[in-house]
Amino acid sequence: MTNRLKSVLLIVALTLLMAVSAFAQNYVTVTGTNVRLRLQPSLQSETLTTAGGVNVHPAKGEKLECLGQSGKFYQVKYKGKIVYIAKQFAQPVDAAKPAAKPAVKPAAKGQQYVVVTGTNVRLRKAPSLQGAIYTVNGKTVYPAKGERIKLMGEEGGFYKVNYQGSYLYISKDFARPE
């Protein structure tokens, strides 16, 4: 085989390898709002900020290239920078498929309600601590400690509930099923 033919075959092989690796990239979808991107895989690490010192947040639902994992963090590429996002605020997705909303697990048989176990517990419009807080006429509504709320299912660390006719979420840290 001539050197020229070897060079052509090598170029073709490298081109195919690059094309295959481009399609095999991993991605995560941001599942929270106002999520902080960290410079190191730690909640104590500095966050990605603008030149003026304002935190930079990816949009909820934004798909980021995932370069790897480190403990409770994904290493991702965001606007050309390599940063970390906590796994609790990102969902792995197949690059060829659109991001799917996490499924709500229905309430277990016999569990029809949750009981609020804390005071000043915030109900959220999304299953995330960054989810919008439930308000009526601009005022935060807090269910009373010990109040029973209709249980609809669960999603991650939250119970999905029907409170005053609205489907909302309450952290499992502040409610127990009944």
N, C-alpha and C. Protein backbone atom coordinates (compact mmCIF):
# COMPACT_ATOMS: atom_id res chain seq x y z
N MET A 1 0.84 -1.16 0.00
CA MET A 1 0.00 0.00 0.00
C MET A 1 0.89 1.24 0.00
N THR A 2 0.57 2.18 -0.84
CA THR A 2 1.41 3.38 -0.94
C THR A 2 1.15 4.31 0.24
N ASN A 3 2.10 5.20 0.45
CA ASN A 3 1.96 6.18 1.54
C ASN A 3 0.77 7.10 1.30
N ARG A 4 0.52 7.44 0.05
CA ARG A 4 -0.61 8.33 -0.28
C ARG A 4 -1.93 7.64 0.06
N LEU A 5 -2.07 6.37 -0.27
CA LEU A 5 -3.29 5.62 0.03
C LEU A 5 -3.47 5.48 1.54
N LYS A 6 -2.36 5.21 2.26
CA LYS A 6 -2.44 5.13 3.72
C LYS A 6 -2.91 6.44 4.32
N SER A 7 -2.41 7.55 3.80
CA SER A 7 -2.80 8.87 4.30
C SER A 7 -4.28 9.14 4.06
N VAL A 8 -4.76 8.77 2.87
CA VAL A 8 -6.18 8.97 2.54
C VAL A 8 -7.05 8.13 3.47
N LEU A 9 -6.67 6.86 3.67
CA LEU A 9 -7.44 5.99 4.56
C LEU A 9 -7.44 6.51 6.00
N LEU A 10 -6.31 7.02 6.44
CA LEU A 10 -6.21 7.57 7.78
C LEU A 10 -7.12 8.79 7.93
N ILE A 11 -7.14 9.66 6.95
CA ILE A 11 -8.01 10.85 6.98
C ILE A 11 -9.47 10.43 7.00
N VAL A 12 -9.84 9.48 6.19
CA VAL A 12 -11.22 8.99 6.17
C VAL A 12 -11.60 8.39 7.52
N ALA A 13 -10.73 7.58 8.10
CA ALA A 13 -10.99 6.96 9.39
C ALA A 13 -11.16 8.01 10.48
N LEU A 14 -10.28 9.01 10.51
CA LEU A 14 -10.38 10.07 11.51
C LEU A 14 -11.65 10.90 11.33
N THR A 15 -12.02 11.16 10.10
CA THR A 15 -13.25 11.91 9.84
C THR A 15 -14.47 11.15 10.34
N LEU A 16 -14.51 9.84 10.07
CA LEU A 16 -15.62 9.02 10.55
C LEU A 16 -15.64 8.95 12.07
N LEU A 17 -14.49 8.84 12.69
CA LEU A 17 -14.42 8.79 14.14
C LEU A 17 -14.94 10.09 14.75
N MET A 18 -14.58 11.22 14.17
CA MET A 18 -15.05 12.51 14.68
C MET A 18 -16.56 12.64 14.50
N ALA A 19 -17.07 12.18 13.37
CA ALA A 19 -18.52 12.25 13.12
C ALA A 19 -19.29 11.38 14.11
N VAL A 20 -18.79 10.18 14.36
CA VAL A 20 -19.46 9.28 15.31
C VAL A 20 -19.41 9.85 16.72
N SER A 21 -18.27 10.40 17.12
CA SER A 21 -18.16 10.96 18.48
C SER A 21 -19.05 12.18 18.63
N ALA A 22 -19.26 12.95 17.58
CA ALA A 22 -20.16 14.10 17.67
C ALA A 22 -21.59 13.66 17.95
N PHE A 23 -22.01 12.54 17.37
CA PHE A 23 -23.36 12.04 17.60
C PHE A 23 -23.48 11.33 18.94
N ALA A 24 -22.38 10.90 19.49
CA ALA A 24 -22.42 10.13 20.74
C ALA A 24 -22.26 11.01 21.98
N GLN A 25 -22.24 12.33 21.80
CA GLN A 25 -22.07 13.22 22.93
C GLN A 25 -23.22 13.06 23.92
N ASN A 26 -22.91 13.25 25.19
CA ASN A 26 -23.92 13.19 26.24
C ASN A 26 -24.37 14.60 26.58
N TYR A 27 -25.62 14.70 26.98
CA TYR A 27 -26.20 15.97 27.34
C TYR A 27 -26.99 15.84 28.62
N VAL A 28 -27.15 16.96 29.32
CA VAL A 28 -28.06 17.05 30.44
C VAL A 28 -28.99 18.23 30.18
N THR A 29 -30.20 18.12 30.69
CA THR A 29 -31.15 19.22 30.59
C THR A 29 -31.29 19.84 31.97
N VAL A 30 -31.25 21.16 32.04
CA VAL A 30 -31.39 21.88 33.30
C VAL A 30 -32.85 21.76 33.74
N THR A 31 -33.07 21.29 34.99
CA THR A 31 -34.42 21.06 35.48
C THR A 31 -34.89 22.11 36.48
N GLY A 32 -34.02 23.01 36.88
CA GLY A 32 -34.40 24.04 37.85
C GLY A 32 -34.28 25.43 37.26
N THR A 33 -34.72 26.41 38.03
CA THR A 33 -34.57 27.80 37.61
C THR A 33 -33.55 28.46 38.54
N ASN A 34 -32.85 29.45 38.03
CA ASN A 34 -31.81 30.16 38.78
C ASN A 34 -30.75 29.20 39.33
N VAL A 35 -30.42 28.19 38.56
CA VAL A 35 -29.43 27.20 38.95
C VAL A 35 -28.04 27.81 38.81
N ARG A 36 -27.23 27.63 39.84
CA ARG A 36 -25.87 28.16 39.81
C ARG A 36 -24.92 27.14 39.20
N LEU A 37 -24.06 27.62 38.34
CA LEU A 37 -23.01 26.80 37.75
C LEU A 37 -21.75 27.04 38.56
N ARG A 38 -21.08 25.97 38.94
CA ARG A 38 -19.92 26.06 39.83
C ARG A 38 -18.62 25.87 39.04
N LEU A 39 -17.55 26.48 39.55
CA LEU A 39 -16.25 26.33 38.91
C LEU A 39 -15.56 25.03 39.31
N GLN A 40 -15.98 24.43 40.41
CA GLN A 40 -15.48 23.15 40.89
C GLN A 40 -16.68 22.31 41.34
N PRO A 41 -16.55 20.99 41.43
CA PRO A 41 -17.68 20.13 41.82
C PRO A 41 -17.95 20.16 43.33
N SER A 42 -18.38 21.33 43.82
CA SER A 42 -18.65 21.50 45.25
C SER A 42 -19.64 22.65 45.43
N LEU A 43 -20.55 22.52 46.39
CA LEU A 43 -21.49 23.61 46.67
C LEU A 43 -20.78 24.80 47.30
N GLN A 44 -19.57 24.59 47.79
CA GLN A 44 -18.81 25.69 48.36
C GLN A 44 -17.94 26.40 47.30
N SER A 45 -17.92 25.87 46.10
CA SER A 45 -17.10 26.45 45.04
C SER A 45 -17.69 27.77 44.55
N GLU A 46 -16.81 28.60 44.00
CA GLU A 46 -17.27 29.83 43.37
C GLU A 46 -18.23 29.50 42.24
N THR A 47 -19.12 30.46 41.95
CA THR A 47 -20.08 30.27 40.87
C THR A 47 -19.63 31.03 39.63
N LEU A 48 -20.17 30.63 38.50
CA LEU A 48 -19.89 31.33 37.25
C LEU A 48 -20.62 32.67 37.29
N THR A 49 -19.89 33.76 37.09
CA THR A 49 -20.48 35.10 37.15
C THR A 49 -20.08 35.92 35.94
N THR A 50 -20.81 37.01 35.74
CA THR A 50 -20.46 37.96 34.70
C THR A 50 -19.27 38.79 35.19
N ALA A 51 -18.75 39.63 34.33
CA ALA A 51 -17.63 40.50 34.71
C ALA A 51 -18.03 41.40 35.87
N GLY A 52 -19.33 41.72 35.99
CA GLY A 52 -19.82 42.56 37.07
C GLY A 52 -20.12 41.80 38.35
N GLY A 53 -19.87 40.48 38.36
CA GLY A 53 -20.08 39.69 39.57
C GLY A 53 -21.48 39.13 39.74
N VAL A 54 -22.32 39.20 38.71
CA VAL A 54 -23.68 38.67 38.78
C VAL A 54 -23.67 37.20 38.37
N ASN A 55 -24.35 36.35 39.16
CA ASN A 55 -24.41 34.92 38.83
C ASN A 55 -25.01 34.70 37.46
N VAL A 56 -24.43 33.76 36.72
CA VAL A 56 -24.93 33.37 35.41
C VAL A 56 -25.76 32.10 35.60
N HIS A 57 -27.00 32.08 35.07
CA HIS A 57 -27.88 30.93 35.23
C HIS A 57 -28.31 30.41 33.86
N PRO A 58 -28.17 29.11 33.60
CA PRO A 58 -28.74 28.57 32.36
C PRO A 58 -30.26 28.55 32.49
N ALA A 59 -30.96 28.57 31.37
CA ALA A 59 -32.42 28.54 31.38
C ALA A 59 -32.93 27.14 31.72
N LYS A 60 -34.07 27.10 32.41
CA LYS A 60 -34.71 25.81 32.69
C LYS A 60 -35.05 25.17 31.34
N GLY A 61 -34.70 23.89 31.20
CA GLY A 61 -34.94 23.18 29.95
C GLY A 61 -33.78 23.26 28.97
N GLU A 62 -32.79 24.09 29.25
CA GLU A 62 -31.63 24.22 28.35
C GLU A 62 -30.81 22.93 28.38
N LYS A 63 -30.35 22.53 27.20
CA LYS A 63 -29.56 21.31 27.06
C LYS A 63 -28.09 21.70 27.04
N LEU A 64 -27.30 21.06 27.93
CA LEU A 64 -25.87 21.34 28.04
C LEU A 64 -25.08 20.08 27.72
N GLU A 65 -23.97 20.24 27.03
CA GLU A 65 -23.09 19.11 26.75
C GLU A 65 -22.46 18.63 28.06
N CYS A 66 -22.58 17.35 28.33
CA CYS A 66 -22.04 16.76 29.56
C CYS A 66 -20.69 16.11 29.24
N LEU A 67 -19.66 16.54 29.96
CA LEU A 67 -18.31 16.03 29.72
C LEU A 67 -17.93 14.91 30.67
N GLY A 68 -18.70 14.77 31.78
CA GLY A 68 -18.40 13.74 32.75
C GLY A 68 -19.15 13.98 34.04
N GLN A 69 -18.78 13.22 35.07
CA GLN A 69 -19.41 13.32 36.37
C GLN A 69 -18.33 13.37 37.44
N SER A 70 -18.66 14.07 38.52
CA SER A 70 -17.76 14.12 39.67
C SER A 70 -18.62 14.20 40.92
N GLY A 71 -18.76 13.07 41.60
CA GLY A 71 -19.59 13.04 42.81
C GLY A 71 -21.03 13.38 42.49
N LYS A 72 -21.53 14.43 43.11
CA LYS A 72 -22.93 14.84 42.93
C LYS A 72 -23.08 15.92 41.86
N PHE A 73 -22.09 16.01 40.96
CA PHE A 73 -22.10 17.04 39.93
C PHE A 73 -21.84 16.45 38.54
N TYR A 74 -22.41 17.14 37.54
CA TYR A 74 -22.07 16.87 36.14
C TYR A 74 -21.09 17.95 35.72
N GLN A 75 -20.05 17.56 34.98
CA GLN A 75 -19.16 18.53 34.36
C GLN A 75 -19.77 18.83 33.00
N VAL A 76 -20.04 20.11 32.74
CA VAL A 76 -20.73 20.49 31.51
C VAL A 76 -20.00 21.64 30.81
N LYS A 77 -20.34 21.82 29.55
CA LYS A 77 -19.82 22.95 28.79
C LYS A 77 -20.97 23.96 28.66
N TYR A 78 -20.73 25.20 29.13
CA TYR A 78 -21.74 26.25 29.06
C TYR A 78 -21.11 27.49 28.44
N LYS A 79 -21.58 27.84 27.26
CA LYS A 79 -21.08 29.01 26.52
C LYS A 79 -19.56 29.01 26.43
N GLY A 80 -19.01 27.81 26.12
CA GLY A 80 -17.57 27.67 25.91
C GLY A 80 -16.76 27.47 27.18
N LYS A 81 -17.41 27.53 28.34
CA LYS A 81 -16.69 27.35 29.61
C LYS A 81 -17.02 25.98 30.21
N ILE A 82 -16.05 25.37 30.85
CA ILE A 82 -16.27 24.09 31.52
C ILE A 82 -16.59 24.39 32.98
N VAL A 83 -17.81 23.98 33.39
CA VAL A 83 -18.32 24.26 34.74
C VAL A 83 -19.02 23.02 35.27
N TYR A 84 -19.56 23.12 36.47
CA TYR A 84 -20.24 22.00 37.12
C TYR A 84 -21.65 22.40 37.50
N ILE A 85 -22.59 21.45 37.34
CA ILE A 85 -23.97 21.65 37.75
C ILE A 85 -24.35 20.49 38.67
N ALA A 86 -25.01 20.81 39.78
CA ALA A 86 -25.42 19.77 40.72
C ALA A 86 -26.40 18.83 40.03
N LYS A 87 -26.24 17.52 40.26
CA LYS A 87 -27.09 16.52 39.61
C LYS A 87 -28.56 16.72 39.94
N GLN A 88 -28.86 17.30 41.12
CA GLN A 88 -30.26 17.49 41.49
C GLN A 88 -30.95 18.53 40.62
N PHE A 89 -30.18 19.30 39.84
CA PHE A 89 -30.77 20.33 38.99
C PHE A 89 -30.59 20.03 37.49
N ALA A 90 -30.21 18.79 37.17
CA ALA A 90 -30.00 18.42 35.77
C ALA A 90 -30.44 16.98 35.55
N GLN A 91 -30.93 16.71 34.36
CA GLN A 91 -31.42 15.38 33.99
C GLN A 91 -30.68 14.92 32.74
N PRO A 92 -30.03 13.75 32.77
CA PRO A 92 -29.36 13.26 31.56
C PRO A 92 -30.38 13.01 30.44
N VAL A 93 -29.99 13.33 29.22
CA VAL A 93 -30.86 13.10 28.06
C VAL A 93 -30.05 12.50 26.94
N ASP A 94 -30.74 11.81 26.06
CA ASP A 94 -30.14 11.28 24.84
C ASP A 94 -30.06 12.44 23.85
N ALA A 95 -28.90 12.66 23.25
CA ALA A 95 -28.72 13.78 22.33
C ALA A 95 -29.68 13.72 21.16
N ALA A 96 -30.12 12.53 20.79
CA ALA A 96 -31.01 12.39 19.63
C ALA A 96 -32.48 12.60 20.00
N LYS A 97 -32.79 12.62 21.30
CA LYS A 97 -34.18 12.76 21.71
C LYS A 97 -34.38 14.09 22.41
N PRO A 98 -35.56 14.69 22.29
CA PRO A 98 -35.83 15.91 23.04
C PRO A 98 -35.94 15.59 24.52
N ALA A 99 -35.67 16.57 25.35
CA ALA A 99 -35.75 16.37 26.80
C ALA A 99 -37.17 16.03 27.20
N ALA A 100 -37.31 15.02 28.03
CA ALA A 100 -38.63 14.62 28.50
C ALA A 100 -38.83 15.11 29.92
N LYS A 101 -40.04 15.52 30.23
CA LYS A 101 -40.36 15.94 31.58
C LYS A 101 -40.36 14.70 32.45
N PRO A 102 -39.75 14.79 33.67
CA PRO A 102 -39.75 13.63 34.54
C PRO A 102 -41.18 13.19 34.85
N ALA A 103 -41.39 11.90 34.88
CA ALA A 103 -42.73 11.37 35.14
C ALA A 103 -43.10 11.54 36.60
N VAL A 104 -44.37 11.82 36.81
CA VAL A 104 -44.88 11.90 38.17
C VAL A 104 -45.29 10.50 38.58
N LYS A 105 -44.73 10.04 39.67
CA LYS A 105 -45.07 8.73 40.19
C LYS A 105 -46.40 8.87 40.93
N PRO A 106 -47.43 8.07 40.57
CA PRO A 106 -48.72 8.20 41.25
C PRO A 106 -48.62 7.86 42.72
N ALA A 107 -49.57 8.37 43.49
CA ALA A 107 -49.59 8.10 44.92
C ALA A 107 -49.76 6.61 45.15
N ALA A 108 -49.08 6.10 46.17
CA ALA A 108 -49.19 4.68 46.51
C ALA A 108 -50.59 4.37 47.03
N LYS A 109 -51.03 3.16 46.79
CA LYS A 109 -52.36 2.74 47.24
C LYS A 109 -52.48 2.94 48.75
N GLY A 110 -53.54 3.58 49.17
CA GLY A 110 -53.76 3.84 50.58
C GLY A 110 -53.20 5.18 51.05
N GLN A 111 -52.31 5.79 50.26
CA GLN A 111 -51.78 7.10 50.62
C GLN A 111 -52.55 8.16 49.83
N GLN A 112 -53.52 8.77 50.47
CA GLN A 112 -54.37 9.73 49.79
C GLN A 112 -54.03 11.18 50.13
N TYR A 113 -53.30 11.37 51.23
CA TYR A 113 -53.00 12.72 51.70
C TYR A 113 -51.56 12.80 52.20
N VAL A 114 -51.05 14.02 52.27
CA VAL A 114 -49.82 14.29 53.00
C VAL A 114 -50.19 15.23 54.14
N VAL A 115 -49.45 15.12 55.22
CA VAL A 115 -49.65 15.99 56.37
C VAL A 115 -48.44 16.91 56.46
N VAL A 116 -48.68 18.21 56.55
CA VAL A 116 -47.61 19.20 56.65
C VAL A 116 -46.95 19.06 58.02
N THR A 117 -45.61 18.91 58.04
CA THR A 117 -44.90 18.67 59.29
C THR A 117 -44.10 19.88 59.76
N GLY A 118 -44.10 20.96 59.00
CA GLY A 118 -43.34 22.15 59.38
C GLY A 118 -44.22 23.39 59.39
N THR A 119 -43.63 24.49 59.81
CA THR A 119 -44.33 25.78 59.77
C THR A 119 -43.73 26.64 58.68
N ASN A 120 -44.54 27.53 58.13
CA ASN A 120 -44.12 28.41 57.03
C ASN A 120 -43.53 27.62 55.86
N VAL A 121 -44.16 26.49 55.56
CA VAL A 121 -43.72 25.63 54.47
C VAL A 121 -44.23 26.22 53.15
N ARG A 122 -43.33 26.39 52.21
CA ARG A 122 -43.69 26.97 50.91
C ARG A 122 -44.13 25.87 49.96
N LEU A 123 -45.24 26.10 49.29
CA LEU A 123 -45.68 25.23 48.20
C LEU A 123 -45.09 25.80 46.92
N ARG A 124 -44.68 24.92 46.03
CA ARG A 124 -44.01 25.35 44.80
C ARG A 124 -44.82 24.96 43.57
N LYS A 125 -44.61 25.70 42.49
CA LYS A 125 -45.31 25.41 41.23
C LYS A 125 -44.55 24.40 40.39
N ALA A 126 -43.33 24.06 40.80
CA ALA A 126 -42.50 23.06 40.11
C ALA A 126 -41.77 22.24 41.18
N PRO A 127 -41.42 21.00 40.88
CA PRO A 127 -40.76 20.14 41.87
C PRO A 127 -39.28 20.48 42.06
N SER A 128 -39.02 21.67 42.56
CA SER A 128 -37.65 22.15 42.75
C SER A 128 -37.67 23.26 43.79
N LEU A 129 -36.59 23.37 44.56
CA LEU A 129 -36.49 24.46 45.52
C LEU A 129 -36.37 25.80 44.81
N GLN A 130 -36.08 25.77 43.52
CA GLN A 130 -36.04 26.99 42.73
C GLN A 130 -37.37 27.27 42.04
N GLY A 131 -38.35 26.36 42.20
CA GLY A 131 -39.67 26.54 41.59
C GLY A 131 -40.37 27.74 42.18
N ALA A 132 -41.21 28.39 41.37
CA ALA A 132 -41.96 29.56 41.83
C ALA A 132 -42.80 29.18 43.05
N ILE A 133 -42.87 30.09 44.00
CA ILE A 133 -43.63 29.88 45.23
C ILE A 133 -45.09 30.21 44.96
N TYR A 134 -45.99 29.40 45.53
CA TYR A 134 -47.43 29.58 45.37
C TYR A 134 -47.88 30.83 46.12
N THR A 135 -48.54 31.74 45.40
CA THR A 135 -49.07 32.96 46.00
C THR A 135 -50.51 33.17 45.55
N VAL A 136 -51.25 33.91 46.34
CA VAL A 136 -52.60 34.36 45.99
C VAL A 136 -52.62 35.86 46.21
N ASN A 137 -52.96 36.61 45.17
CA ASN A 137 -52.96 38.08 45.22
C ASN A 137 -51.63 38.64 45.71
N GLY A 138 -50.53 38.01 45.28
CA GLY A 138 -49.20 38.50 45.60
C GLY A 138 -48.69 38.10 46.98
N LYS A 139 -49.48 37.35 47.74
CA LYS A 139 -49.06 36.94 49.09
C LYS A 139 -48.80 35.44 49.11
N THR A 140 -47.68 35.05 49.71
CA THR A 140 -47.34 33.63 49.84
C THR A 140 -48.37 32.95 50.72
N VAL A 141 -48.84 31.79 50.27
CA VAL A 141 -49.80 31.01 51.03
C VAL A 141 -49.06 29.87 51.70
N TYR A 142 -49.18 29.77 53.04
CA TYR A 142 -48.53 28.72 53.79
C TYR A 142 -49.61 27.79 54.36
N PRO A 143 -49.54 26.49 54.06
CA PRO A 143 -50.47 25.57 54.72
C PRO A 143 -50.10 25.46 56.20
N ALA A 144 -51.08 25.21 57.04
CA ALA A 144 -50.84 25.11 58.48
C ALA A 144 -50.13 23.80 58.82
N LYS A 145 -49.32 23.84 59.87
CA LYS A 145 -48.68 22.63 60.36
C LYS A 145 -49.78 21.65 60.77
N GLY A 146 -49.69 20.40 60.31
CA GLY A 146 -50.70 19.38 60.60
C GLY A 146 -51.82 19.33 59.58
N GLU A 147 -51.85 20.29 58.64
CA GLU A 147 -52.91 20.30 57.61
C GLU A 147 -52.75 19.12 56.67
N ARG A 148 -53.88 18.51 56.31
CA ARG A 148 -53.89 17.40 55.36
C ARG A 148 -54.15 17.97 53.97
N ILE A 149 -53.33 17.53 53.01
CA ILE A 149 -53.45 17.99 51.63
C ILE A 149 -53.56 16.78 50.73
N LYS A 150 -54.46 16.85 49.75
CA LYS A 150 -54.69 15.74 48.81
C LYS A 150 -53.41 15.42 48.05
N LEU A 151 -52.98 14.17 48.12
CA LEU A 151 -51.76 13.69 47.46
C LEU A 151 -52.09 13.19 46.06
N MET A 152 -51.36 13.68 45.06
CA MET A 152 -51.57 13.28 43.68
C MET A 152 -50.47 12.35 43.17
N GLY A 153 -49.28 12.46 43.77
CA GLY A 153 -48.15 11.64 43.34
C GLY A 153 -46.87 12.19 43.93
N GLU A 154 -45.75 11.75 43.38
CA GLU A 154 -44.47 12.27 43.84
C GLU A 154 -43.51 12.39 42.67
N GLU A 155 -42.62 13.34 42.80
CA GLU A 155 -41.65 13.60 41.74
C GLU A 155 -40.34 14.02 42.41
N GLY A 156 -39.36 13.14 42.33
CA GLY A 156 -38.07 13.43 42.98
C GLY A 156 -38.26 13.58 44.48
N GLY A 157 -37.78 14.68 45.03
CA GLY A 157 -37.87 14.95 46.45
C GLY A 157 -39.11 15.71 46.85
N PHE A 158 -40.16 15.65 46.00
CA PHE A 158 -41.38 16.42 46.25
C PHE A 158 -42.62 15.56 46.13
N TYR A 159 -43.65 15.95 46.87
CA TYR A 159 -44.98 15.38 46.69
C TYR A 159 -45.76 16.33 45.81
N LYS A 160 -46.49 15.78 44.84
CA LYS A 160 -47.39 16.58 44.04
C LYS A 160 -48.74 16.55 44.75
N VAL A 161 -49.30 17.72 45.03
CA VAL A 161 -50.52 17.82 45.80
C VAL A 161 -51.54 18.70 45.09
N ASN A 162 -52.81 18.54 45.49
CA ASN A 162 -53.88 19.41 45.04
C ASN A 162 -54.24 20.28 46.23
N TYR A 163 -53.83 21.53 46.18
CA TYR A 163 -54.07 22.46 47.29
C TYR A 163 -54.92 23.62 46.79
N GLN A 164 -56.10 23.75 47.37
CA GLN A 164 -57.04 24.82 47.00
C GLN A 164 -57.30 24.83 45.48
N GLY A 165 -57.36 23.62 44.89
CA GLY A 165 -57.67 23.51 43.47
C GLY A 165 -56.48 23.68 42.54
N SER A 166 -55.29 23.89 43.09
CA SER A 166 -54.09 24.04 42.27
C SER A 166 -53.16 22.85 42.48
N TYR A 167 -52.53 22.40 41.40
CA TYR A 167 -51.55 21.33 41.49
C TYR A 167 -50.21 21.96 41.82
N LEU A 168 -49.68 21.61 42.99
CA LEU A 168 -48.46 22.21 43.51
C LEU A 168 -47.54 21.13 44.05
N TYR A 169 -46.38 21.54 44.53
CA TYR A 169 -45.40 20.61 45.05
C TYR A 169 -44.96 21.05 46.44
N ILE A 170 -44.78 20.06 47.32
CA ILE A 170 -44.28 20.30 48.67
C ILE A 170 -43.09 19.37 48.89
N SER A 171 -42.03 19.92 49.47
CA SER A 171 -40.83 19.12 49.71
C SER A 171 -41.14 17.97 50.66
N LYS A 172 -40.58 16.80 50.37
CA LYS A 172 -40.76 15.64 51.24
C LYS A 172 -40.16 15.88 52.62
N ASP A 173 -39.29 16.90 52.75
CA ASP A 173 -38.70 17.23 54.04
C ASP A 173 -39.73 17.86 54.99
N PHE A 174 -40.84 18.36 54.44
CA PHE A 174 -41.82 19.09 55.26
C PHE A 174 -43.21 18.49 55.22
N ALA A 175 -43.32 17.25 54.78
CA ALA A 175 -44.62 16.58 54.73
C ALA A 175 -44.40 15.06 54.82
N ARG A 176 -45.43 14.38 55.30
CA ARG A 176 -45.36 12.92 55.36
C ARG A 176 -46.66 12.36 54.79
N PRO A 177 -46.59 11.23 54.07
CA PRO A 177 -47.80 10.65 53.52
C PRO A 177 -48.66 10.06 54.64
N GLU A 178 -49.98 10.05 54.40
CA GLU A 178 -50.91 9.48 55.36
C GLU A 178 -51.85 8.52 54.66
